[in-house]
C-alpha atoms as a PDB file:
ATOM      1  CA  MET A   1     -56.420 -45.434  98.310  1.00  0.00           C
ATOM      2  CA  LYS A   2     -54.484 -42.191  97.858  1.00  0.00           C
ATOM      3  CA  LEU A   3     -54.111 -39.701  95.041  1.00  0.00           C
ATOM      4  CA  ILE A   4     -50.562 -38.420  94.618  1.00  0.00           C
ATOM      5  CA  ILE A   5     -50.300 -35.054  92.893  1.00  0.00           C
ATOM      6  CA  ALA A   6     -46.694 -34.220  91.995  1.00  0.00           C
ATOM      7  CA  ILE A   7     -45.662 -30.952  90.366  1.00  0.00           C
ATOM      8  CA  VAL A   8     -42.330 -31.551  88.641  1.00  0.00           C
ATOM      9  CA  HIS A   9     -40.010 -29.774  86.205  1.00  0.00           C
ATOM     10  CA  SER A  10     -41.009 -30.595  82.632  1.00  0.00           C
ATOM     11  CA  ASP A  11     -37.504 -31.964  81.920  1.00  0.00           C
ATOM     12  CA  ASP A  12     -38.071 -34.708  84.531  1.00  0.00           C
ATOM     13  CA  THR A  13     -41.475 -35.867  83.283  1.00  0.00           C
ATOM     14  CA  ARG A  14     -40.398 -38.566  80.804  1.00  0.00           C
ATOM     15  CA  ASN A  15     -37.989 -40.201  83.259  1.00  0.00           C
ATOM     16  CA  LEU A  16     -40.601 -40.131  86.036  1.00  0.00           C
ATOM     17  CA  LEU A  17     -43.323 -41.678  83.862  1.00  0.00           C
ATOM     18  CA  ASP A  18     -40.969 -44.419  82.642  1.00  0.00           C
ATOM     19  CA  ARG A  19     -39.945 -45.346  86.199  1.00  0.00           C
ATOM     20  CA  LEU A  20     -43.546 -45.351  87.426  1.00  0.00           C
ATOM     21  CA  ALA A  21     -44.669 -47.554  84.519  1.00  0.00           C
ATOM     22  CA  ARG A  22     -41.848 -50.059  85.158  1.00  0.00           C
ATOM     23  CA  ARG A  23     -43.206 -50.487  88.705  1.00  0.00           C
ATOM     24  CA  ASN A  24     -46.831 -50.811  87.464  1.00  0.00           C
ATOM     25  CA  PHE A  25     -48.089 -47.392  88.530  1.00  0.00           C
ATOM     26  CA  SER A  26     -50.521 -45.597  86.224  1.00  0.00           C
ATOM     27  CA  ALA A  27     -50.219 -41.837  85.917  1.00  0.00           C
ATOM     28  CA  THR A  28     -51.839 -38.936  84.092  1.00  0.00           C
ATOM     29  CA  VAL A  29     -49.902 -35.792  83.195  1.00  0.00           C
ATOM     30  CA  THR A  30     -50.977 -32.227  82.497  1.00  0.00           C
ATOM     31  CA  THR A  31     -48.714 -29.321  81.637  1.00  0.00           C
ATOM     32  CA  SER A  32     -48.596 -26.331  83.949  1.00  0.00           C
ATOM     33  CA  SER A  33     -46.484 -23.281  84.649  1.00  0.00           C
ATOM     34  CA  GLY A  34     -45.859 -21.081  87.606  1.00  0.00           C
ATOM     35  CA  GLY A  35     -43.496 -20.190  90.357  1.00  0.00           C
ATOM     36  CA  PHE A  36     -40.820 -17.543  90.479  1.00  0.00           C
ATOM     37  CA  LEU A  37     -39.797 -17.824  86.822  1.00  0.00           C
ATOM     38  CA  ARG A  38     -43.085 -18.984  85.265  1.00  0.00           C
ATOM     39  CA  ILE A  39     -41.248 -22.033  83.975  1.00  0.00           C
ATOM     40  CA  SER A  40     -42.856 -25.035  82.343  1.00  0.00           C
ATOM     41  CA  ASN A  41     -43.892 -27.761  84.772  1.00  0.00           C
ATOM     42  CA  ALA A  42     -45.875 -30.951  84.626  1.00  0.00           C
ATOM     43  CA  THR A  43     -48.492 -32.037  87.123  1.00  0.00           C
ATOM     44  CA  VAL A  44     -48.568 -35.816  87.537  1.00  0.00           C
ATOM     45  CA  PHE A  45     -51.645 -37.515  89.010  1.00  0.00           C
ATOM     46  CA  CYS A  46     -51.197 -41.062  90.293  1.00  0.00           C
ATOM     47  CA  GLY A  47     -53.786 -43.190  92.122  1.00  0.00           C
ATOM     48  CA  VAL A  48     -51.997 -45.502  94.561  1.00  0.00           C
ATOM     49  CA  GLU A  49     -53.038 -48.186  97.035  1.00  0.00           C
ATOM     50  CA  ASP A  50     -52.234 -47.178 100.625  1.00  0.00           C
ATOM     51  CA  GLU A  51     -49.489 -49.777 101.042  1.00  0.00           C
ATOM     52  CA  ARG A  52     -47.630 -48.544  97.915  1.00  0.00           C
ATOM     53  CA  VAL A  53     -47.560 -44.815  98.671  1.00  0.00           C
ATOM     54  CA  ASP A  54     -43.996 -44.851 100.045  1.00  0.00           C
ATOM     55  CA  GLU A  55     -42.771 -46.774  96.989  1.00  0.00           C
ATOM     56  CA  ALA A  56     -44.324 -44.204  94.628  1.00  0.00           C
ATOM     57  CA  LEU A  57     -42.870 -41.299  96.625  1.00  0.00           C
ATOM     58  CA  GLU A  58     -39.376 -42.851  96.436  1.00  0.00           C
ATOM     59  CA  ILE A  59     -39.690 -43.092  92.644  1.00  0.00           C
ATOM     60  CA  ILE A  60     -40.772 -39.441  92.395  1.00  0.00           C
ATOM     61  CA  ARG A  61     -37.891 -38.245  94.594  1.00  0.00           C
ATOM     62  CA  ALA A  62     -35.330 -40.302  92.650  1.00  0.00           C
ATOM     63  CA  SER A  63     -36.663 -39.144  89.262  1.00  0.00           C
ATOM     64  CA  CYS A  64     -36.870 -35.422  90.008  1.00  0.00           C
ATOM     65  CA  PRO A  65     -33.546 -34.125  91.339  1.00  0.00           C
ATOM     66  CA  ASP A  66     -33.107 -30.472  92.147  1.00  0.00           C
ATOM     67  CA  ARG A  67     -30.372 -28.528  90.387  1.00  0.00           C
ATOM     68  CA  VAL A  68     -28.912 -25.048  90.255  1.00  0.00           C
ATOM     69  CA  GLN A  69     -29.574 -22.838  87.258  1.00  0.00           C
ATOM     70  CA  TYR A  70     -28.524 -19.260  86.602  1.00  0.00           C
ATOM     71  CA  VAL A  71     -31.312 -16.988  85.401  1.00  0.00           C
ATOM     72  CA  THR A  72     -31.637 -13.314  84.598  1.00  0.00           C
ATOM     73  CA  PRO A  73     -34.588 -11.737  86.410  1.00  0.00           C
ATOM     74  CA  LEU A  74     -36.850  -9.240  84.706  1.00  0.00           C
ATOM     75  CA  PRO A  75     -35.556  -5.662  84.926  1.00  0.00           C
ATOM     76  CA  PRO A  76     -37.271  -3.289  87.367  1.00  0.00           C
ATOM     77  CA  VAL A  77     -39.498  -0.484  86.157  1.00  0.00           C
ATOM     78  CA  MET A  78     -37.161   2.417  85.487  1.00  0.00           C
ATOM     79  CA  GLU A  79     -37.337   6.075  84.628  1.00  0.00           C
ATOM     80  CA  PRO A  80     -36.307   7.176  81.125  1.00  0.00           C
ATOM     81  CA  GLY A  81     -32.544   7.507  80.875  1.00  0.00           C
ATOM     82  CA  GLU A  82     -31.755   5.030  83.664  1.00  0.00           C
ATOM     83  CA  VAL A  83     -29.680   2.001  82.780  1.00  0.00           C
ATOM     84  CA  HIS A  84     -30.074  -1.406  84.363  1.00  0.00           C
ATOM     85  CA  ILE A  85     -27.529  -4.139  83.724  1.00  0.00           C
ATOM     86  CA  PRO A  86     -29.153  -7.430  84.694  1.00  0.00           C
ATOM     87  CA  THR A  87     -27.079  -9.802  86.777  1.00  0.00           C
ATOM     88  CA  PRO A  88     -27.814 -13.540  86.636  1.00  0.00           C
ATOM     89  CA  VAL A  89     -28.930 -15.015  89.939  1.00  0.00           C
ATOM     90  CA  GLU A  90     -28.641 -18.573  91.181  1.00  0.00           C
ATOM     91  CA  LYS A  91     -31.988 -20.390  91.421  1.00  0.00           C
ATOM     92  CA  ARG A  92     -32.692 -23.949  92.557  1.00  0.00           C
ATOM     93  CA  MET A  93     -34.760 -25.749  89.905  1.00  0.00           C
ATOM     94  CA  GLY A  94     -36.356 -29.151  89.666  1.00  0.00           C
ATOM     95  CA  GLY A  95     -37.332 -31.341  92.547  1.00  0.00           C
ATOM     96  CA  ALA A  96     -40.992 -32.035  93.156  1.00  0.00           C
ATOM     97  CA  THR A  97     -43.843 -30.570  95.127  1.00  0.00           C
ATOM     98  CA  ILE A  98     -45.955 -33.517  96.234  1.00  0.00           C
ATOM     99  CA  PHE A  99     -49.462 -33.724  97.676  1.00  0.00           C
ATOM    100  CA  VAL A 100     -50.932 -36.993  98.966  1.00  0.00           C
ATOM    101  CA  VAL A 101     -54.719 -36.889  99.231  1.00  0.00           C
ATOM    102  CA  ASP A 102     -57.180 -39.461 100.596  1.00  0.00           C
ATOM    103  CA  VAL A 103     -59.555 -40.855  97.955  1.00  0.00           C
ATOM    104  CA  GLU A 104     -63.051 -41.458  99.234  1.00  0.00           C
ATOM    105  CA  ARG A 105     -64.224 -43.294  96.127  1.00  0.00           C
ATOM    106  CA  PHE A 106     -62.570 -44.702  93.005  1.00  0.00           C
ATOM    107  CA  GLU A 107     -64.281 -46.118  89.914  1.00  0.00           C
ATOM    108  CA  ARG A 108     -62.894 -47.456  86.679  1.00  0.00           C
ATOM    109  CA  ALA A 109     -65.414 -47.214  83.829  1.00  0.00           C
END
């Protein structure tokens, strides 16, 4: 058995959970934040039998596309009287960061 830990953009969470449920995968979700922009993410935990790991990974990849978003970074620390005009930068968002971990023991109580 494996534990899949997928960190996904919060906008992709509902679609991912629906697709996993349709294929009889159980998942638990927690909210998280982090990365370059401190954006809202979701961490999805899914226990999977060894032979179904590839199927679950395909669902995660299909449900969590990456996309381009324009963001305005925080202004630098400046001296009084200096002017900074922020310029939006292109940032890739979405996708998934996935960890697959061996499970030594699993119990359902």
